[in-house]
N, C-alpha and C. Protein backbone atom coordinates (compact mmCIF):
# COMPACT_ATOMS: atom_id res chain seq x y z
N MET A 1 -45.79 3.98 -43.01
CA MET A 1 -46.62 4.72 -42.09
C MET A 1 -46.17 4.42 -40.66
N ASP A 2 -46.10 5.44 -39.85
CA ASP A 2 -45.70 5.30 -38.45
C ASP A 2 -46.83 4.64 -37.66
N PRO A 3 -46.58 3.49 -37.00
CA PRO A 3 -47.64 2.81 -36.27
C PRO A 3 -48.06 3.54 -35.00
N VAL A 4 -47.33 4.56 -34.58
CA VAL A 4 -47.70 5.31 -33.38
C VAL A 4 -48.68 6.40 -33.79
N TRP A 5 -49.92 6.26 -33.41
CA TRP A 5 -50.94 7.21 -33.82
C TRP A 5 -51.54 7.96 -32.65
N ALA A 6 -51.00 7.75 -31.46
CA ALA A 6 -51.45 8.49 -30.29
C ALA A 6 -50.22 8.96 -29.54
N PRO A 7 -50.23 10.19 -29.04
CA PRO A 7 -49.07 10.68 -28.30
C PRO A 7 -48.80 9.81 -27.07
N ALA A 8 -47.56 9.43 -26.88
CA ALA A 8 -47.20 8.55 -25.76
C ALA A 8 -47.60 9.14 -24.42
N ASP A 9 -47.50 10.45 -24.26
CA ASP A 9 -47.84 11.04 -22.97
C ASP A 9 -49.34 11.16 -22.74
N ALA A 10 -50.15 10.87 -23.76
CA ALA A 10 -51.60 10.93 -23.62
C ALA A 10 -52.17 9.63 -23.06
N CYS A 11 -51.37 8.59 -23.03
CA CYS A 11 -51.80 7.28 -22.55
C CYS A 11 -51.11 6.99 -21.22
N THR A 12 -51.89 6.59 -20.23
CA THR A 12 -51.32 6.29 -18.92
C THR A 12 -51.03 4.81 -18.72
N LEU A 13 -51.29 4.00 -19.72
CA LEU A 13 -50.95 2.58 -19.63
C LEU A 13 -49.43 2.46 -19.62
N PRO A 14 -48.88 1.71 -18.69
CA PRO A 14 -47.41 1.55 -18.67
C PRO A 14 -46.89 1.06 -20.02
N THR A 15 -45.79 1.62 -20.45
CA THR A 15 -45.22 1.33 -21.76
C THR A 15 -45.07 -0.17 -22.01
N ALA A 16 -44.63 -0.92 -21.01
CA ALA A 16 -44.43 -2.36 -21.18
C ALA A 16 -45.73 -3.11 -21.46
N GLN A 17 -46.87 -2.55 -21.03
CA GLN A 17 -48.16 -3.22 -21.23
C GLN A 17 -48.83 -2.85 -22.55
N ARG A 18 -48.33 -1.83 -23.21
CA ARG A 18 -48.97 -1.37 -24.45
C ARG A 18 -49.00 -2.43 -25.55
N PRO A 19 -47.90 -3.14 -25.80
CA PRO A 19 -47.97 -4.19 -26.84
C PRO A 19 -48.99 -5.28 -26.50
N LEU A 20 -49.17 -5.57 -25.22
CA LEU A 20 -50.16 -6.57 -24.81
C LEU A 20 -51.57 -6.08 -25.12
N ARG A 21 -51.82 -4.79 -24.88
CA ARG A 21 -53.15 -4.24 -25.17
C ARG A 21 -53.41 -4.23 -26.66
N VAL A 22 -52.41 -3.86 -27.44
CA VAL A 22 -52.56 -3.88 -28.89
C VAL A 22 -52.87 -5.30 -29.34
N ALA A 23 -52.21 -6.28 -28.76
CA ALA A 23 -52.45 -7.68 -29.10
C ALA A 23 -53.89 -8.09 -28.76
N GLU A 24 -54.42 -7.57 -27.67
CA GLU A 24 -55.82 -7.87 -27.31
C GLU A 24 -56.77 -7.35 -28.38
N PHE A 25 -56.55 -6.10 -28.82
CA PHE A 25 -57.39 -5.55 -29.87
C PHE A 25 -57.19 -6.32 -31.18
N ASP A 26 -55.95 -6.64 -31.52
CA ASP A 26 -55.68 -7.41 -32.73
C ASP A 26 -56.43 -8.74 -32.71
N ASP A 27 -56.41 -9.42 -31.57
CA ASP A 27 -57.10 -10.71 -31.44
C ASP A 27 -58.61 -10.54 -31.57
N LEU A 28 -59.15 -9.53 -30.89
CA LEU A 28 -60.59 -9.28 -30.96
C LEU A 28 -61.01 -9.00 -32.40
N PHE A 29 -60.26 -8.14 -33.09
CA PHE A 29 -60.62 -7.80 -34.46
C PHE A 29 -60.42 -8.97 -35.41
N ALA A 30 -59.38 -9.74 -35.23
CA ALA A 30 -59.14 -10.90 -36.09
C ALA A 30 -60.28 -11.92 -35.97
N ARG A 31 -60.79 -12.09 -34.76
CA ARG A 31 -61.86 -13.07 -34.52
C ARG A 31 -63.23 -12.53 -34.89
N SER A 32 -63.49 -11.23 -34.67
CA SER A 32 -64.86 -10.76 -34.66
C SER A 32 -65.21 -9.61 -35.59
N LEU A 33 -64.24 -8.87 -36.08
CA LEU A 33 -64.54 -7.69 -36.90
C LEU A 33 -65.09 -8.12 -38.25
N ARG A 34 -66.27 -7.61 -38.59
CA ARG A 34 -66.91 -7.96 -39.85
C ARG A 34 -66.97 -6.80 -40.83
N ASP A 35 -67.00 -5.56 -40.31
CA ASP A 35 -67.09 -4.41 -41.20
C ASP A 35 -66.69 -3.16 -40.43
N VAL A 36 -66.26 -2.14 -41.17
CA VAL A 36 -65.92 -0.84 -40.59
C VAL A 36 -66.52 0.24 -41.47
N GLU A 37 -67.21 1.18 -40.85
CA GLU A 37 -67.71 2.37 -41.54
C GLU A 37 -66.89 3.55 -41.05
N GLN A 38 -66.15 4.20 -41.93
CA GLN A 38 -65.39 5.39 -41.56
C GLN A 38 -66.32 6.57 -41.74
N LEU A 39 -66.86 7.09 -40.64
CA LEU A 39 -67.85 8.16 -40.69
C LEU A 39 -67.20 9.53 -40.83
N ARG A 40 -66.09 9.72 -40.17
CA ARG A 40 -65.28 10.95 -40.24
C ARG A 40 -63.84 10.53 -40.03
N PRO A 41 -62.89 11.42 -40.26
CA PRO A 41 -61.49 11.03 -40.06
C PRO A 41 -61.19 10.50 -38.65
N THR A 42 -61.92 10.96 -37.66
CA THR A 42 -61.67 10.51 -36.29
C THR A 42 -62.83 9.72 -35.70
N LEU A 43 -63.71 9.21 -36.55
CA LEU A 43 -64.87 8.45 -36.06
C LEU A 43 -65.13 7.27 -36.97
N ALA A 44 -65.18 6.10 -36.39
CA ALA A 44 -65.47 4.89 -37.15
C ALA A 44 -66.48 4.04 -36.39
N ARG A 45 -67.30 3.34 -37.14
CA ARG A 45 -68.24 2.39 -36.56
C ARG A 45 -67.75 1.01 -36.95
N LEU A 46 -67.48 0.18 -35.94
CA LEU A 46 -66.98 -1.17 -36.16
C LEU A 46 -68.10 -2.16 -35.89
N PHE A 47 -68.24 -3.12 -36.76
CA PHE A 47 -69.25 -4.16 -36.62
C PHE A 47 -68.54 -5.46 -36.27
N LEU A 48 -68.89 -5.99 -35.11
CA LEU A 48 -68.28 -7.23 -34.65
C LEU A 48 -69.35 -8.29 -34.50
N GLU A 49 -68.93 -9.54 -34.68
CA GLU A 49 -69.86 -10.67 -34.56
C GLU A 49 -69.10 -11.79 -33.85
N GLY A 50 -69.77 -12.42 -32.91
CA GLY A 50 -69.11 -13.50 -32.20
C GLY A 50 -70.06 -14.27 -31.33
N ASP A 51 -69.49 -15.06 -30.45
CA ASP A 51 -70.31 -15.87 -29.56
C ASP A 51 -70.90 -15.01 -28.44
N ARG A 52 -71.62 -15.64 -27.55
CA ARG A 52 -72.34 -14.89 -26.51
C ARG A 52 -71.41 -14.23 -25.50
N ASP A 53 -70.13 -14.60 -25.49
CA ASP A 53 -69.16 -13.96 -24.59
C ASP A 53 -68.61 -12.66 -25.15
N LEU A 54 -68.83 -12.40 -26.43
CA LEU A 54 -68.25 -11.22 -27.07
C LEU A 54 -68.65 -9.91 -26.39
N PRO A 55 -69.92 -9.67 -26.08
CA PRO A 55 -70.27 -8.39 -25.44
C PRO A 55 -69.51 -8.14 -24.13
N ALA A 56 -69.38 -9.14 -23.30
CA ALA A 56 -68.66 -8.98 -22.04
C ALA A 56 -67.17 -8.72 -22.29
N GLN A 57 -66.60 -9.42 -23.26
CA GLN A 57 -65.18 -9.20 -23.60
C GLN A 57 -64.98 -7.79 -24.12
N MET A 58 -65.89 -7.32 -24.97
CA MET A 58 -65.78 -5.97 -25.50
C MET A 58 -65.90 -4.93 -24.39
N ARG A 59 -66.90 -5.09 -23.52
CA ARG A 59 -67.08 -4.12 -22.43
C ARG A 59 -65.85 -4.05 -21.55
N ASP A 60 -65.25 -5.21 -21.25
CA ASP A 60 -64.05 -5.25 -20.42
C ASP A 60 -62.89 -4.53 -21.10
N LEU A 61 -62.64 -4.85 -22.35
CA LEU A 61 -61.53 -4.23 -23.08
C LEU A 61 -61.75 -2.73 -23.25
N ILE A 62 -62.97 -2.33 -23.58
CA ILE A 62 -63.29 -0.91 -23.74
C ILE A 62 -63.09 -0.17 -22.43
N ALA A 63 -63.54 -0.73 -21.33
CA ALA A 63 -63.40 -0.07 -20.02
C ALA A 63 -61.93 0.10 -19.67
N ARG A 64 -61.13 -0.93 -19.91
CA ARG A 64 -59.70 -0.82 -19.59
C ARG A 64 -59.01 0.19 -20.48
N GLU A 65 -59.37 0.22 -21.75
CA GLU A 65 -58.74 1.18 -22.68
C GLU A 65 -59.16 2.61 -22.35
N ALA A 66 -60.43 2.81 -22.07
CA ALA A 66 -60.91 4.15 -21.74
C ALA A 66 -60.28 4.68 -20.45
N SER A 67 -59.93 3.78 -19.54
CA SER A 67 -59.36 4.23 -18.26
C SER A 67 -57.93 4.74 -18.41
N CYS A 68 -57.23 4.34 -19.45
CA CYS A 68 -55.84 4.79 -19.62
C CYS A 68 -55.67 5.76 -20.78
N CYS A 69 -56.62 5.80 -21.67
CA CYS A 69 -56.50 6.65 -22.85
C CYS A 69 -57.74 7.52 -22.98
N ALA A 70 -57.73 8.62 -22.26
CA ALA A 70 -58.91 9.50 -22.19
C ALA A 70 -59.24 10.14 -23.54
N PHE A 71 -58.33 10.10 -24.50
CA PHE A 71 -58.59 10.70 -25.80
C PHE A 71 -59.50 9.83 -26.66
N PHE A 72 -59.75 8.57 -26.23
CA PHE A 72 -60.67 7.70 -26.94
C PHE A 72 -62.06 7.84 -26.35
N ASN A 73 -63.07 7.71 -27.21
CA ASN A 73 -64.45 7.69 -26.77
C ASN A 73 -65.10 6.47 -27.42
N PHE A 74 -65.59 5.57 -26.59
CA PHE A 74 -66.20 4.34 -27.08
C PHE A 74 -67.69 4.33 -26.76
N THR A 75 -68.47 3.83 -27.68
CA THR A 75 -69.88 3.54 -27.44
C THR A 75 -70.12 2.16 -28.01
N ALA A 76 -70.64 1.26 -27.20
CA ALA A 76 -70.93 -0.10 -27.66
C ALA A 76 -72.42 -0.34 -27.60
N THR A 77 -72.96 -0.84 -28.68
CA THR A 77 -74.37 -1.21 -28.72
C THR A 77 -74.48 -2.61 -29.30
N SER A 78 -75.57 -3.25 -28.97
CA SER A 78 -75.81 -4.60 -29.47
C SER A 78 -77.00 -4.55 -30.41
N THR A 79 -76.91 -5.30 -31.46
CA THR A 79 -78.02 -5.43 -32.40
C THR A 79 -78.35 -6.90 -32.56
N THR A 80 -79.52 -7.15 -33.04
CA THR A 80 -79.90 -8.53 -33.34
C THR A 80 -79.87 -8.70 -34.85
N PRO A 81 -79.48 -9.86 -35.30
CA PRO A 81 -79.43 -10.10 -36.75
C PRO A 81 -80.81 -9.96 -37.39
N LEU A 82 -80.85 -9.47 -38.60
CA LEU A 82 -82.10 -9.39 -39.35
C LEU A 82 -82.51 -10.78 -39.78
N ALA A 83 -83.79 -11.03 -39.77
CA ALA A 83 -84.29 -12.32 -40.22
C ALA A 83 -84.11 -12.43 -41.72
N ARG A 84 -83.66 -13.58 -42.17
CA ARG A 84 -83.50 -13.80 -43.62
C ARG A 84 -84.77 -14.45 -44.16
N THR A 85 -85.16 -13.98 -45.31
CA THR A 85 -86.37 -14.54 -45.92
C THR A 85 -86.04 -15.38 -47.12
């Protein structure tokens, strides 16, 4: 499978910085991704779990990615864990 899934001209992030951004997402997902719901072919809900710094890290990464790749649409929400009985 070809790892390029977005047209190069659709992203304004300089080419040299793209592997670094991919590495940031890889690190975030390796540390925090707990589940993925594929809702449609172009829509997924990702469930992440981490320490109290995770929301700020996510907001920062999402803002930077959205600023260079307008074809992405991100929505981040926070939930609280359900009480276990």
